[in-house]
Amino acid sequence: MLKATDLMVFYENAIAVNELSLSVRKGQVVGVIGSNSAGKTTLLNTISGLILDIQLKEKRKGGERITVMGKIEYQGQDISRLKAHERASLALVLCRERHPVFPDSNVHENLKIASYLRPTNQVRQVIDHVYELFPNLKRWRKRKAGFLSGGEQQMLAIGMAMVVGPKLLLLDEPLLGLSPAMQKNLVQAIESLSRENGITMLIAEQFARPLLPMLDFAYVIENGMLTLTGTGPELMENPEIKSAYFGF
């Protein structure tokens, strides 16, 4: 479904992603695991096309020079030069880190904003599905998003991505800054999306322990480079992973 080959991303002279290749098959839940500043966000921004928007904005304001190299194929099509919104229209959808929502709009308005690619007659149905997945959002549907807790905002951000109708959903640090209880709730929701909705997922995460049991395959990266691969259960038993991410 997705194949990235020899991806390289430079910010000026600093390399953020270094000759990294990965693949995701239809129906899989694949992880990209790494510490802070390992290159996870840059990788997902590159796959989603958002890096091209960032590159253009930096060029226009005379800021940081960003260079992107490599090839990205999605459902057999080379999408390396497609813009982010064009990739989203192909159902490749990114849910960015730190739950970016519209804080001055309420929950329901946020979901409607995210549905702009959907035919009008489908909007109500897809939003109702989000409310089924995250009952708390239905409870707070008229509350401004800026007044939600961090976990509720993360639920809303994932809900907004779901409304777009992804076939491949990219999740960037979905568990970042959440309590263990909220992390558990989100992991259960992610499992439900995969199992019941058949959505293929690529998840970048530093706090990997709650996610590893459900990963069909995972890539561990450091300083933008691939260091380890394996299934989630295999990596859970790896001494290096235990030391780096589990604290023992």
Protein backbone atom coordinates (compact mmCIF):
# COMPACT_ATOMS: atom_id res chain seq x y z
CA MET A 1 0.00 0.00 0.00
CA LEU A 2 2.82 2.40 0.93
CA LYS A 3 6.46 2.14 -0.01
CA ALA A 4 9.05 4.78 0.83
CA THR A 5 12.50 4.35 -0.68
CA ASP A 6 15.75 6.07 0.34
CA LEU A 7 14.07 9.09 1.92
CA MET A 8 16.42 11.90 2.88
CA VAL A 9 15.45 15.24 4.40
CA PHE A 10 17.91 18.05 5.15
CA TYR A 11 17.27 21.21 7.15
CA GLU A 12 20.08 23.43 5.87
CA ASN A 13 23.11 21.18 6.48
CA ALA A 14 21.51 19.05 9.22
CA ILE A 15 20.06 15.69 8.17
CA ALA A 16 16.72 14.74 9.73
CA VAL A 17 15.94 11.57 7.73
CA ASN A 18 18.85 9.54 6.37
CA GLU A 19 18.29 7.06 3.52
CA LEU A 20 15.28 5.55 5.24
CA SER A 21 13.08 3.00 3.51
CA LEU A 22 9.90 1.40 4.82
CA SER A 23 6.73 -0.26 3.61
CA VAL A 24 3.19 -0.70 4.91
CA ARG A 25 0.86 -3.37 3.56
CA LYS A 26 -2.91 -2.96 3.43
CA GLY A 27 -4.55 -3.71 6.76
CA GLN A 28 -1.35 -3.48 8.80
CA VAL A 29 -0.64 -1.37 11.86
CA VAL A 30 3.02 -0.35 11.55
CA GLY A 31 5.03 1.61 14.08
CA VAL A 32 7.92 4.05 13.80
CA ILE A 33 9.59 4.12 17.19
CA GLY A 34 12.23 6.58 18.29
CA SER A 35 13.23 9.05 20.96
CA ASN A 36 12.60 12.77 20.81
CA SER A 37 14.28 14.35 17.74
CA ALA A 38 14.83 10.95 16.12
CA GLY A 39 13.15 12.16 12.91
CA LYS A 40 9.70 10.63 13.37
CA THR A 41 7.71 13.80 12.72
CA THR A 42 9.82 14.75 9.72
CA LEU A 43 9.27 11.25 8.30
CA LEU A 44 5.47 11.46 8.64
CA ASN A 45 5.45 15.02 7.30
CA THR A 46 7.38 13.76 4.28
CA ILE A 47 5.03 10.83 3.64
CA SER A 48 1.94 13.04 4.02
CA GLY A 49 3.35 15.81 1.79
CA LEU A 50 3.24 18.40 4.55
CA ILE A 51 7.01 18.81 4.26
CA LEU A 52 6.51 20.32 0.79
CA ASP A 53 4.25 23.02 2.24
CA ILE A 54 6.79 23.72 5.00
CA GLN A 55 9.56 23.82 2.39
CA LEU A 56 7.65 26.38 0.29
CA LYS A 57 6.84 28.61 3.27
CA GLU A 58 10.48 28.63 4.38
CA LYS A 59 11.62 29.49 0.87
CA ARG A 60 9.15 32.39 0.57
CA LYS A 61 10.27 34.00 3.82
CA GLY A 62 13.95 33.36 3.18
CA GLY A 63 14.16 30.95 6.10
CA GLU A 64 15.60 27.49 6.56
CA ARG A 65 16.44 25.67 3.34
CA ILE A 66 14.79 22.24 3.26
CA THR A 67 15.85 19.54 0.81
CA VAL A 68 13.75 16.41 0.24
CA MET A 69 14.97 13.35 -1.68
CA GLY A 70 13.73 9.83 -2.28
CA LYS A 71 10.59 8.19 -3.60
CA ILE A 72 7.16 7.57 -2.05
CA GLU A 73 4.67 5.19 -3.66
CA TYR A 74 1.08 4.87 -2.48
CA GLN A 75 -1.27 2.26 -3.93
CA GLY A 76 1.15 1.84 -6.83
CA GLN A 77 1.33 5.56 -7.64
CA ASP A 78 4.40 7.76 -7.26
CA ILE A 79 3.18 10.58 -4.99
CA SER A 80 6.58 12.07 -4.19
CA ARG A 81 5.70 15.47 -5.67
CA LEU A 82 2.00 15.57 -4.79
CA LYS A 83 0.97 18.29 -2.34
CA ALA A 84 -0.47 17.44 1.07
CA HIS A 85 -4.09 18.14 0.09
CA GLU A 86 -3.71 16.00 -3.03
CA ARG A 87 -2.47 13.10 -0.92
CA ALA A 88 -5.35 13.64 1.51
CA SER A 89 -7.78 13.41 -1.41
CA LEU A 90 -6.28 9.96 -2.08
CA ALA A 91 -7.22 8.99 1.51
CA LEU A 92 -3.68 9.29 2.90
CA VAL A 93 -4.35 11.34 6.03
CA LEU A 94 -2.03 12.70 8.72
CA CYS A 95 -3.08 13.32 12.32
CA ARG A 96 -0.34 15.64 13.56
CA GLU A 97 1.31 15.63 16.97
CA ARG A 98 0.10 17.74 19.92
CA HIS A 99 -3.54 17.48 18.83
CA PRO A 100 -3.86 20.54 16.53
CA VAL A 101 -7.54 21.52 16.73
CA PHE A 102 -9.42 24.79 16.22
CA PRO A 103 -9.63 25.96 19.85
CA ASP A 104 -12.28 28.66 19.33
CA SER A 105 -14.67 26.29 17.55
CA ASN A 106 -16.68 23.65 19.37
CA VAL A 107 -16.18 19.91 18.95
CA HIS A 108 -18.92 19.48 16.35
CA GLU A 109 -17.68 22.46 14.34
CA ASN A 110 -14.16 21.02 14.30
CA LEU A 111 -15.49 17.77 12.87
CA LYS A 112 -17.51 19.60 10.24
CA ILE A 113 -14.47 21.65 9.23
CA ALA A 114 -12.52 18.43 8.73
CA SER A 115 -15.27 17.01 6.50
CA TYR A 116 -14.74 19.46 3.65
CA LEU A 117 -13.55 16.68 1.29
CA ARG A 118 -16.66 14.61 1.98
CA PRO A 119 -19.91 14.75 -0.03
CA THR A 120 -22.53 16.63 1.98
CA ASN A 121 -24.80 13.60 2.29
CA GLN A 122 -22.04 11.64 4.07
CA VAL A 123 -21.03 14.21 6.68
CA ARG A 124 -23.60 13.36 9.33
CA GLN A 125 -22.92 9.63 9.08
CA VAL A 126 -19.13 9.94 9.44
CA ILE A 127 -19.43 12.37 12.37
CA ASP A 128 -21.87 10.02 14.11
CA HIS A 129 -19.29 7.26 13.67
CA VAL A 130 -16.66 9.42 15.40
CA TYR A 131 -19.08 9.96 18.30
CA GLU A 132 -19.54 6.18 18.57
CA LEU A 133 -15.78 5.71 18.70
CA PHE A 134 -15.26 8.53 21.22
CA PRO A 135 -18.40 8.94 23.38
CA ASN A 136 -16.77 11.76 25.35
CA LEU A 137 -16.72 13.90 22.22
CA LYS A 138 -20.49 13.50 21.83
CA ARG A 139 -20.92 14.55 25.44
CA TRP A 140 -18.89 17.72 24.81
CA ARG A 141 -20.00 18.35 21.22
CA LYS A 142 -20.94 22.00 21.98
CA ARG A 143 -17.84 22.74 24.06
CA LYS A 144 -15.03 24.79 22.52
CA ALA A 145 -12.11 22.55 21.65
CA GLY A 146 -9.70 24.79 23.54
CA PHE A 147 -11.44 23.88 26.80
CA LEU A 148 -11.05 20.12 26.33
CA SER A 149 -8.40 18.15 28.22
CA GLY A 150 -5.27 17.06 26.36
CA GLY A 151 -6.64 13.55 25.94
CA GLU A 152 -9.99 14.79 24.68
CA GLN A 153 -8.24 17.08 22.20
CA GLN A 154 -6.25 14.09 20.96
CA MET A 155 -9.50 12.16 20.52
CA LEU A 156 -10.88 15.10 18.55
CA ALA A 157 -7.77 15.31 16.38
CA ILE A 158 -8.06 11.61 15.52
CA GLY A 159 -11.79 12.08 14.97
CA MET A 160 -11.09 14.91 12.54
CA ALA A 161 -8.68 12.67 10.63
CA MET A 162 -11.31 9.93 10.56
CA VAL A 163 -13.92 12.26 9.11
CA VAL A 164 -11.66 12.77 6.07
CA GLY A 165 -12.05 9.05 5.34
CA PRO A 166 -8.52 7.63 5.47
CA LYS A 167 -7.42 4.39 3.89
CA LEU A 168 -3.97 4.99 5.35
CA LEU A 169 -3.91 6.94 8.61
CA LEU A 170 -0.65 8.47 9.83
CA LEU A 171 -0.62 9.12 13.58
CA ASP A 172 2.18 11.28 14.95
CA GLU A 173 2.81 10.82 18.69
CA PRO A 174 -0.84 10.06 19.59
CA LEU A 175 0.07 9.23 23.21
CA LEU A 176 2.25 12.28 23.84
CA GLY A 177 1.60 13.93 27.21
CA LEU A 178 -1.41 11.77 28.11
CA SER A 179 -2.13 10.01 31.39
CA PRO A 180 -1.78 6.19 31.47
CA ALA A 181 -5.57 5.85 31.61
CA MET A 182 -6.05 8.08 28.58
CA GLN A 183 -3.26 6.28 26.75
CA LYS A 184 -5.10 3.00 27.34
CA ASN A 185 -8.35 4.46 25.99
CA LEU A 186 -6.63 5.72 22.85
CA VAL A 187 -4.82 2.45 22.23
CA GLN A 188 -8.18 0.66 22.44
CA ALA A 189 -9.66 3.15 19.96
CA ILE A 190 -6.73 2.64 17.58
CA GLU A 191 -7.20 -1.15 17.80
CA SER A 192 -10.89 -0.67 17.03
CA LEU A 193 -10.10 1.46 13.97
CA SER A 194 -7.85 -1.27 12.65
CA ARG A 195 -9.96 -4.29 13.56
CA GLU A 196 -13.48 -3.01 12.90
CA ASN A 197 -12.88 -0.35 10.25
CA GLY A 198 -10.02 -1.98 8.39
CA ILE A 199 -7.92 1.18 8.37
CA THR A 200 -4.22 0.76 7.64
CA MET A 201 -2.06 2.77 10.03
CA LEU A 202 1.48 4.06 10.38
CA ILE A 203 2.09 5.29 13.93
CA ALA A 204 5.12 7.30 15.05
CA GLU A 205 5.55 7.14 18.81
CA GLN A 206 8.16 7.61 21.52
CA PHE A 207 6.09 6.02 24.30
CA ALA A 208 5.97 2.71 22.48
CA ARG A 209 5.19 0.25 25.25
CA PRO A 210 1.35 0.49 25.08
CA LEU A 211 1.42 0.13 21.29
CA LEU A 212 3.98 -2.61 20.71
CA PRO A 213 1.63 -5.58 21.36
CA MET A 214 -0.65 -4.51 18.51
CA LEU A 215 2.00 -3.65 15.89
CA ASP A 216 2.26 -5.95 12.89
CA PHE A 217 5.70 -4.51 12.21
CA ALA A 218 7.84 -1.70 13.55
CA TYR A 219 10.84 0.38 12.56
CA VAL A 220 13.14 1.84 15.20
CA ILE A 221 14.96 4.99 14.15
CA GLU A 222 17.70 7.08 15.72
CA ASN A 223 19.02 10.34 14.29
CA GLY A 224 16.93 9.77 11.19
CA MET A 225 18.43 6.34 10.50
CA LEU A 226 16.89 2.89 10.70
CA THR A 227 18.44 0.86 13.52
CA LEU A 228 16.08 -2.07 14.23
CA THR A 229 13.02 -3.74 12.73
CA GLY A 230 10.66 -6.49 13.84
CA THR A 231 7.12 -7.25 14.89
CA GLY A 232 5.79 -5.51 17.98
CA PRO A 233 6.03 -8.62 20.20
CA GLU A 234 9.58 -9.29 18.96
CA LEU A 235 10.71 -5.79 19.84
CA MET A 236 9.07 -6.06 23.28
CA GLU A 237 11.52 -8.86 24.06
CA ASN A 238 14.54 -7.06 22.61
CA PRO A 239 16.98 -6.03 25.39
CA GLU A 240 17.94 -2.82 23.60
CA ILE A 241 14.31 -1.75 23.31
CA LYS A 242 13.64 -2.64 26.93
CA SER A 243 16.59 -0.54 28.07
CA ALA A 244 15.85 2.45 25.83
CA TYR A 245 12.05 2.63 26.14
CA PHE A 246 10.93 0.58 29.13
CA GLY A 247 13.55 1.69 31.65
CA PHE A 248 14.98 -1.76 32.36
